[in-house]
PDB file of N, CA and C in Angstrom:
ATOM      1  N   MET A   1      35.164 155.023  78.003  1.00  0.00           N
ATOM      2  CA  MET A   1      34.285 156.084  77.560  1.00  0.00           C
ATOM      3  C   MET A   1      33.240 155.497  76.624  1.00  0.00           C
ATOM      4  N   ASP A   2      32.036 155.997  76.675  1.00  0.00           N
ATOM      5  CA  ASP A   2      30.928 155.531  75.873  1.00  0.00           C
ATOM      6  C   ASP A   2      31.157 155.937  74.417  1.00  0.00           C
ATOM      7  N   GLN A   3      31.357 154.957  73.540  1.00  0.00           N
ATOM      8  CA  GLN A   3      31.659 155.236  72.135  1.00  0.00           C
ATOM      9  C   GLN A   3      30.415 155.598  71.326  1.00  0.00           C
ATOM     10  N   GLU A   4      29.221 155.307  71.823  1.00  0.00           N
ATOM     11  CA  GLU A   4      27.993 155.562  71.093  1.00  0.00           C
ATOM     12  C   GLU A   4      27.550 157.020  71.177  1.00  0.00           C
ATOM     13  N   ARG A   5      27.955 157.707  72.205  1.00  0.00           N
ATOM     14  CA  ARG A   5      27.520 159.087  72.415  1.00  0.00           C
ATOM     15  C   ARG A   5      28.623 160.054  72.028  1.00  0.00           C
ATOM     16  N   SER A   6      28.238 161.235  71.576  1.00  0.00           N
ATOM     17  CA  SER A   6      29.231 162.238  71.209  1.00  0.00           C
ATOM     18  C   SER A   6      29.849 162.834  72.468  1.00  0.00           C
ATOM     19  N   LEU A   7      31.012 163.409  72.299  1.00  0.00           N
ATOM     20  CA  LEU A   7      31.702 164.054  73.417  1.00  0.00           C
ATOM     21  C   LEU A   7      30.855 165.198  73.973  1.00  0.00           C
ATOM     22  N   GLU A   8      30.182 165.931  73.109  1.00  0.00           N
ATOM     23  CA  GLU A   8      29.333 167.033  73.566  1.00  0.00           C
ATOM     24  C   GLU A   8      28.186 166.530  74.431  1.00  0.00           C
ATOM     25  N   ALA A   9      27.578 165.401  74.057  1.00  0.00           N
ATOM     26  CA  ALA A   9      26.476 164.846  74.850  1.00  0.00           C
ATOM     27  C   ALA A   9      26.973 164.401  76.222  1.00  0.00           C
ATOM     28  N   ILE A  10      28.142 163.803  76.257  1.00  0.00           N
ATOM     29  CA  ILE A  10      28.726 163.367  77.527  1.00  0.00           C
ATOM     30  C   ILE A  10      29.035 164.576  78.400  1.00  0.00           C
ATOM     31  N   LEU A  11      29.629 165.614  77.808  1.00  0.00           N
ATOM     32  CA  LEU A  11      29.949 166.831  78.561  1.00  0.00           C
ATOM     33  C   LEU A  11      28.690 167.490  79.107  1.00  0.00           C
ATOM     34  N   LYS A  12      27.631 167.513  78.314  1.00  0.00           N
ATOM     35  CA  LYS A  12      26.381 168.117  78.767  1.00  0.00           C
ATOM     36  C   LYS A  12      25.839 167.380  79.994  1.00  0.00           C
ATOM     37  N   ASP A  13      25.892 166.057  79.970  1.00  0.00           N
ATOM     38  CA  ASP A  13      25.435 165.270  81.113  1.00  0.00           C
ATOM     39  C   ASP A  13      26.304 165.506  82.338  1.00  0.00           C
ATOM     40  N   LEU A  14      27.607 165.598  82.128  1.00  0.00           N
ATOM     41  CA  LEU A  14      28.524 165.785  83.250  1.00  0.00           C
ATOM     42  C   LEU A  14      28.376 167.164  83.877  1.00  0.00           C
ATOM     43  N   ARG A  15      28.099 168.169  83.060  1.00  0.00           N
ATOM     44  CA  ARG A  15      27.986 169.535  83.566  1.00  0.00           C
ATOM     45  C   ARG A  15      26.709 169.760  84.356  1.00  0.00           C
ATOM     46  N   ARG A  16      25.715 168.938  84.135  1.00  0.00           N
ATOM     47  CA  ARG A  16      24.432 169.129  84.797  1.00  0.00           C
ATOM     48  C   ARG A  16      24.620 169.074  86.313  1.00  0.00           C
ATOM     49  N   GLY A  17      24.419 170.178  86.970  1.00  0.00           N
ATOM     50  CA  GLY A  17      24.541 170.227  88.428  1.00  0.00           C
ATOM     51  C   GLY A  17      25.973 170.400  88.923  1.00  0.00           C
ATOM     52  N   GLU A  18      26.939 170.417  88.054  1.00  0.00           N
ATOM     53  CA  GLU A  18      28.338 170.587  88.462  1.00  0.00           C
ATOM     54  C   GLU A  18      28.866 171.911  87.929  1.00  0.00           C
ATOM     55  N   ARG A  19      29.431 172.679  88.808  1.00  0.00           N
ATOM     56  CA  ARG A  19      30.041 173.940  88.393  1.00  0.00           C
ATOM     57  C   ARG A  19      31.514 173.719  88.094  1.00  0.00           C
ATOM     58  N   PHE A  20      32.002 174.389  87.082  1.00  0.00           N
ATOM     59  CA  PHE A  20      33.419 174.344  86.756  1.00  0.00           C
ATOM     60  C   PHE A  20      34.030 175.611  87.319  1.00  0.00           C
ATOM     61  N   ASN A  21      34.631 175.507  88.504  1.00  0.00           N
ATOM     62  CA  ASN A  21      35.129 176.696  89.186  1.00  0.00           C
ATOM     63  C   ASN A  21      36.638 176.861  88.993  1.00  0.00           C
ATOM     64  N   GLN A  22      37.155 177.930  89.555  1.00  0.00           N
ATOM     65  CA  GLN A  22      38.572 178.265  89.380  1.00  0.00           C
ATOM     66  C   GLN A  22      39.498 177.206  89.974  1.00  0.00           C
ATOM     67  N   HIS A  23      39.125 176.602  91.090  1.00  0.00           N
ATOM     68  CA  HIS A  23      39.965 175.565  91.698  1.00  0.00           C
ATOM     69  C   HIS A  23      40.109 174.366  90.772  1.00  0.00           C
ATOM     70  N   ARG A  24      39.017 173.968  90.168  1.00  0.00           N
ATOM     71  CA  ARG A  24      39.043 172.840  89.237  1.00  0.00           C
ATOM     72  C   ARG A  24      39.838 173.192  87.986  1.00  0.00           C
ATOM     73  N   ARG A  25      39.655 174.409  87.506  1.00  0.00           N
ATOM     74  CA  ARG A  25      40.401 174.853  86.317  1.00  0.00           C
ATOM     75  C   ARG A  25      41.910 174.849  86.588  1.00  0.00           C
ATOM     76  N   GLN A  26      42.328 175.361  87.739  1.00  0.00           N
ATOM     77  CA  GLN A  26      43.755 175.396  88.068  1.00  0.00           C
ATOM     78  C   GLN A  26      44.332 173.987  88.178  1.00  0.00           C
ATOM     79  N   PHE A  27      43.588 173.082  88.789  1.00  0.00           N
ATOM     80  CA  PHE A  27      44.066 171.709  88.934  1.00  0.00           C
ATOM     81  C   PHE A  27      44.223 171.073  87.554  1.00  0.00           C
ATOM     82  N   LEU A  28      43.208 171.215  86.701  1.00  0.00           N
ATOM     83  CA  LEU A  28      43.272 170.638  85.359  1.00  0.00           C
ATOM     84  C   LEU A  28      44.371 171.282  84.521  1.00  0.00           C
ATOM     85  N   ASP A  29      44.578 172.572  84.704  1.00  0.00           N
ATOM     86  CA  ASP A  29      45.617 173.269  83.949  1.00  0.00           C
ATOM     87  C   ASP A  29      47.001 172.694  84.252  1.00  0.00           C
ATOM     88  N   GLY A  30      47.211 172.259  85.492  1.00  0.00           N
ATOM     89  CA  GLY A  30      48.485 171.645  85.858  1.00  0.00           C
ATOM     90  C   GLY A  30      48.699 170.278  85.218  1.00  0.00           C
ATOM     91  N   LEU A  31      47.632 169.688  84.715  1.00  0.00           N
ATOM     92  CA  LEU A  31      47.715 168.373  84.080  1.00  0.00           C
ATOM     93  C   LEU A  31      47.650 168.443  82.557  1.00  0.00           C
ATOM     94  N   ARG A  32      47.424 169.605  82.035  1.00  0.00           N
ATOM     95  CA  ARG A  32      47.107 169.761  80.614  1.00  0.00           C
ATOM     96  C   ARG A  32      48.077 169.034  79.679  1.00  0.00           C
ATOM     97  N   ASP A  33      49.344 169.286  79.731  1.00  0.00           N
ATOM     98  CA  ASP A  33      50.305 168.699  78.795  1.00  0.00           C
ATOM     99  C   ASP A  33      51.321 167.802  79.483  1.00  0.00           C
ATOM    100  N   ALA A  34      50.992 167.314  80.668  1.00  0.00           N
ATOM    101  CA  ALA A  34      52.010 166.657  81.476  1.00  0.00           C
ATOM    102  C   ALA A  34      51.953 165.134  81.479  1.00  0.00           C
ATOM    103  N   GLY A  35      50.907 164.517  80.984  1.00  0.00           N
ATOM    104  CA  GLY A  35      50.782 163.068  81.122  1.00  0.00           C
ATOM    105  C   GLY A  35      50.444 162.734  82.564  1.00  0.00           C
ATOM    106  N   TRP A  36      51.010 161.667  83.096  1.00  0.00           N
ATOM    107  CA  TRP A  36      50.769 161.290  84.498  1.00  0.00           C
ATOM    108  C   TRP A  36      51.611 162.177  85.413  1.00  0.00           C
ATOM    109  N   VAL A  37      50.979 162.757  86.426  1.00  0.00           N
ATOM    110  CA  VAL A  37      51.647 163.656  87.364  1.00  0.00           C
ATOM    111  C   VAL A  37      51.465 163.110  88.775  1.00  0.00           C
ATOM    112  N   ALA A  38      52.567 163.061  89.528  1.00  0.00           N
ATOM    113  CA  ALA A  38      52.509 162.576  90.911  1.00  0.00           C
ATOM    114  C   ALA A  38      51.660 163.511  91.764  1.00  0.00           C
ATOM    115  N   SER A  39      50.900 162.940  92.680  1.00  0.00           N
ATOM    116  CA  SER A  39      50.026 163.750  93.531  1.00  0.00           C
ATOM    117  C   SER A  39      50.810 164.727  94.392  1.00  0.00           C
ATOM    118  N   SER A  40      52.061 164.401  94.693  1.00  0.00           N
ATOM    119  CA  SER A  40      52.891 165.299  95.507  1.00  0.00           C
ATOM    120  C   SER A  40      53.227 166.599  94.776  1.00  0.00           C
ATOM    121  N   LYS A  41      53.096 166.629  93.452  1.00  0.00           N
ATOM    122  CA  LYS A  41      53.393 167.824  92.667  1.00  0.00           C
ATOM    123  C   LYS A  41      52.150 168.649  92.365  1.00  0.00           C
ATOM    124  N   LEU A  42      51.005 168.214  92.893  1.00  0.00           N
ATOM    125  CA  LEU A  42      49.745 168.901  92.648  1.00  0.00           C
ATOM    126  C   LEU A  42      49.235 169.530  93.940  1.00  0.00           C
ATOM    127  N   PRO A  43      48.332 170.487  93.838  1.00  0.00           N
ATOM    128  CA  PRO A  43      47.766 171.098  95.054  1.00  0.00           C
ATOM    129  C   PRO A  43      47.069 170.053  95.921  1.00  0.00           C
ATOM    130  N   ASP A  44      47.158 170.217  97.212  1.00  0.00           N
ATOM    131  CA  ASP A  44      46.517 169.298  98.152  1.00  0.00           C
ATOM    132  C   ASP A  44      45.074 169.756  98.367  1.00  0.00           C
ATOM    133  N   THR A  45      44.208 169.360  97.447  1.00  0.00           N
ATOM    134  CA  THR A  45      42.802 169.754  97.486  1.00  0.00           C
ATOM    135  C   THR A  45      41.925 168.522  97.291  1.00  0.00           C
ATOM    136  N   PRO A  46      41.707 167.756  98.353  1.00  0.00           N
ATOM    137  CA  PRO A  46      40.971 166.493  98.225  1.00  0.00           C
ATOM    138  C   PRO A  46      39.561 166.636  97.656  1.00  0.00           C
ATOM    139  N   LYS A  47      38.832 167.691  98.025  1.00  0.00           N
ATOM    140  CA  LYS A  47      37.472 167.868  97.504  1.00  0.00           C
ATOM    141  C   LYS A  47      37.485 168.110  96.001  1.00  0.00           C
ATOM    142  N   THR A  48      38.452 168.863  95.540  1.00  0.00           N
ATOM    143  CA  THR A  48      38.569 169.123  94.111  1.00  0.00           C
ATOM    144  C   THR A  48      38.899 167.839  93.360  1.00  0.00           C
ATOM    145  N   VAL A  49      39.828 167.068  93.893  1.00  0.00           N
ATOM    146  CA  VAL A  49      40.215 165.809  93.253  1.00  0.00           C
ATOM    147  C   VAL A  49      39.018 164.870  93.158  1.00  0.00           C
ATOM    148  N   VAL A  50      38.255 164.745  94.224  1.00  0.00           N
ATOM    149  CA  VAL A  50      37.081 163.866  94.217  1.00  0.00           C
ATOM    150  C   VAL A  50      36.074 164.331  93.168  1.00  0.00           C
ATOM    151  N   ALA A  51      35.829 165.633  93.096  1.00  0.00           N
ATOM    152  CA  ALA A  51      34.876 166.162  92.118  1.00  0.00           C
ATOM    153  C   ALA A  51      35.352 165.899  90.689  1.00  0.00           C
ATOM    154  N   LEU A  52      36.640 166.092  90.440  1.00  0.00           N
ATOM    155  CA  LEU A  52      37.176 165.873  89.099  1.00  0.00           C
ATOM    156  C   LEU A  52      37.130 164.401  88.712  1.00  0.00           C
ATOM    157  N   LEU A  53      37.429 163.526  89.652  1.00  0.00           N
ATOM    158  CA  LEU A  53      37.334 162.085  89.394  1.00  0.00           C
ATOM    159  C   LEU A  53      35.880 161.679  89.139  1.00  0.00           C
ATOM    160  N   ARG A  54      34.977 162.174  89.949  1.00  0.00           N
ATOM    161  CA  ARG A  54      33.559 161.836  89.817  1.00  0.00           C
ATOM    162  C   ARG A  54      33.013 162.278  88.458  1.00  0.00           C
ATOM    163  N   ASN A  55      33.467 163.423  87.971  1.00  0.00           N
ATOM    164  CA  ASN A  55      33.002 163.938  86.680  1.00  0.00           C
ATOM    165  C   ASN A  55      33.713 163.309  85.493  1.00  0.00           C
ATOM    166  N   GLY A  56      34.745 162.532  85.748  1.00  0.00           N
ATOM    167  CA  GLY A  56      35.480 161.901  84.654  1.00  0.00           C
ATOM    168  C   GLY A  56      36.471 162.831  83.986  1.00  0.00           C
ATOM    169  N   TRP A  57      36.791 163.945  84.635  1.00  0.00           N
ATOM    170  CA  TRP A  57      37.714 164.919  84.055  1.00  0.00           C
ATOM    171  C   TRP A  57      39.168 164.538  84.272  1.00  0.00           C
ATOM    172  N   ILE A  58      39.454 163.728  85.267  1.00  0.00           N
ATOM    173  CA  ILE A  58      40.804 163.198  85.486  1.00  0.00           C
ATOM    174  C   ILE A  58      40.694 161.708  85.787  1.00  0.00           C
ATOM    175  N   GLU A  59      41.816 161.022  85.676  1.00  0.00           N
ATOM    176  CA  GLU A  59      41.877 159.629  86.099  1.00  0.00           C
ATOM    177  C   GLU A  59      43.078 159.447  87.010  1.00  0.00           C
ATOM    178  N   ARG A  60      43.007 158.407  87.824  1.00  0.00           N
ATOM    179  CA  ARG A  60      44.018 158.177  88.850  1.00  0.00           C
ATOM    180  C   ARG A  60      44.586 156.773  88.686  1.00  0.00           C
ATOM    181  N   ARG A  61      45.872 156.653  88.978  1.00  0.00           N
ATOM    182  CA  ARG A  61      46.477 155.329  89.092  1.00  0.00           C
ATOM    183  C   ARG A  61      47.371 155.335  90.321  1.00  0.00           C
ATOM    184  N   ASP A  62      47.336 154.225  91.035  1.00  0.00           N
ATOM    185  CA  ASP A  62      48.146 154.089  92.241  1.00  0.00           C
ATOM    186  C   ASP A  62      49.489 153.479  91.885  1.00  0.00           C
ATOM    187  N   ILE A  63      50.533 154.062  92.445  1.00  0.00           N
ATOM    188  CA  ILE A  63      51.885 153.542  92.274  1.00  0.00           C
ATOM    189  C   ILE A  63      52.461 153.316  93.666  1.00  0.00           C
ATOM    190  N   GLY A  64      53.623 152.738  93.749  1.00  0.00           N
ATOM    191  CA  GLY A  64      54.218 152.444  95.045  1.00  0.00           C
ATOM    192  C   GLY A  64      54.419 153.661  95.932  1.00  0.00           C
ATOM    193  N   ALA A  65      54.698 154.802  95.332  1.00  0.00           N
ATOM    194  CA  ALA A  65      54.988 156.009  96.106  1.00  0.00           C
ATOM    195  C   ALA A  65      53.758 156.888  96.326  1.00  0.00           C
ATOM    196  N   GLY A  66      52.607 156.459  95.917  1.00  0.00           N
ATOM    197  CA  GLY A  66      51.397 157.270  96.092  1.00  0.00           C
ATOM    198  C   GLY A  66      50.474 157.117  94.907  1.00  0.00           C
ATOM    199  N   ALA A  67      49.972 158.229  94.415  1.00  0.00           N
ATOM    200  CA  ALA A  67      49.045 158.224  93.285  1.00  0.00           C
ATOM    201  C   ALA A  67      49.522 159.198  92.222  1.00  0.00           C
ATOM    202  N   GLU A  68      49.072 158.940  91.011  1.00  0.00           N
ATOM    203  CA  GLU A  68      49.334 159.838  89.891  1.00  0.00           C
ATOM    204  C   GLU A  68      48.006 160.150  89.221  1.00  0.00           C
ATOM    205  N   TYR A  69      47.932 161.329  88.625  1.00  0.00           N
ATOM    206  CA  TYR A  69      46.720 161.769  87.954  1.00  0.00           C
ATOM    207  C   TYR A  69      47.055 162.254  86.558  1.00  0.00           C
ATOM    208  N   ARG A  70      46.067 162.133  85.663  1.00  0.00           N
ATOM    209  CA  ARG A  70      46.190 162.746  84.341  1.00  0.00           C
ATOM    210  C   ARG A  70      44.812 163.184  83.876  1.00  0.00           C
ATOM    211  N   ILE A  71      44.802 164.151  82.996  1.00  0.00           N
ATOM    212  CA  ILE A  71      43.559 164.695  82.472  1.00  0.00           C
ATOM    213  C   ILE A  71      43.007 163.735  81.419  1.00  0.00           C
ATOM    214  N   THR A  72      41.690 163.607  81.364  1.00  0.00           N
ATOM    215  CA  THR A  72      41.042 162.762  80.368  1.00  0.00           C
ATOM    216  C   THR A  72      40.631 163.637  79.180  1.00  0.00           C
ATOM    217  N   PRO A  73      40.272 163.025  78.052  1.00  0.00           N
ATOM    218  CA  PRO A  73      39.783 163.827  76.921  1.00  0.00           C
ATOM    219  C   PRO A  73      38.560 164.672  77.283  1.00  0.00           C
ATOM    220  N   ILE A  74      37.708 164.149  78.140  1.00  0.00           N
ATOM    221  CA  ILE A  74      36.540 164.914  78.584  1.00  0.00           C
ATOM    222  C   ILE A  74      36.976 166.113  79.416  1.00  0.00           C
ATOM    223  N   GLY A  75      37.958 165.914  80.284  1.00  0.00           N
ATOM    224  CA  GLY A  75      38.483 167.015  81.088  1.00  0.00           C
ATOM    225  C   GLY A  75      39.153 168.074  80.231  1.00  0.00           C
ATOM    226  N   LEU A  76      39.883 167.634  79.217  1.00  0.00           N
ATOM    227  CA  LEU A  76      40.534 168.586  78.320  1.00  0.00           C
ATOM    228  C   LEU A  76      39.502 169.392  77.546  1.00  0.00           C
ATOM    229  N   ALA A  77      38.448 168.732  77.103  1.00  0.00           N
ATOM    230  CA  ALA A  77      37.380 169.440  76.377  1.00  0.00           C
ATOM    231  C   ALA A  77      36.713 170.461  77.300  1.00  0.00           C
ATOM    232  N   GLU A  78      36.485 170.102  78.554  1.00  0.00           N
ATOM    233  CA  GLU A  78      35.874 171.021  79.514  1.00  0.00           C
ATOM    234  C   GLU A  78      36.807 172.202  79.791  1.00  0.00           C
ATOM    235  N   LEU A  79      38.092 171.940  79.886  1.00  0.00           N
ATOM    236  CA  LEU A  79      39.070 172.993  80.149  1.00  0.00           C
ATOM    237  C   LEU A  79      39.160 173.961  78.977  1.00  0.00           C
ATOM    238  N   CYS A  80      39.020 173.466  77.758  1.00  0.00           N
ATOM    239  CA  CYS A  80      39.158 174.297  76.561  1.00  0.00           C
ATOM    240  C   CYS A  80      37.856 174.975  76.157  1.00  0.00           C
ATOM    241  N   ARG A  81      36.762 174.603  76.797  1.00  0.00           N
ATOM    242  CA  ARG A  81      35.464 175.171  76.453  1.00  0.00           C
ATOM    243  C   ARG A  81      35.440 176.648  76.827  1.00  0.00           C
ATOM    244  N   PRO A  82      34.957 177.523  75.931  1.00  0.00           N
ATOM    245  CA  PRO A  82      34.893 178.952  76.266  1.00  0.00           C
ATOM    246  C   PRO A  82      33.943 179.218  77.423  1.00  0.00           C
ATOM    247  N   ARG A  83      34.263 180.171  78.237  1.00  0.00           N
ATOM    248  CA  ARG A  83      33.442 180.547  79.390  1.00  0.00           C
ATOM    249  C   ARG A  83      32.657 181.784  79.083  1.00  0.00           C
TER     250      ARG A  83
END
């Protein structure tokens, strides 16, 4: 993460042109307090996962049995932002 810029500035750049919809909110909500979560325990929504990864709201790591995801600080800030 860019240490020179504030979290708000980063969020503003990420939100430009990207909508935070209910599908993304539900996916992030499942990661909120869980740490790394196996992809098999999450909804099978490839487009949502790609959008969240592209925006930096989640991160992925590959393990022998598949992939795991966790929410990033930017994703948590976006999830907690009032609508």
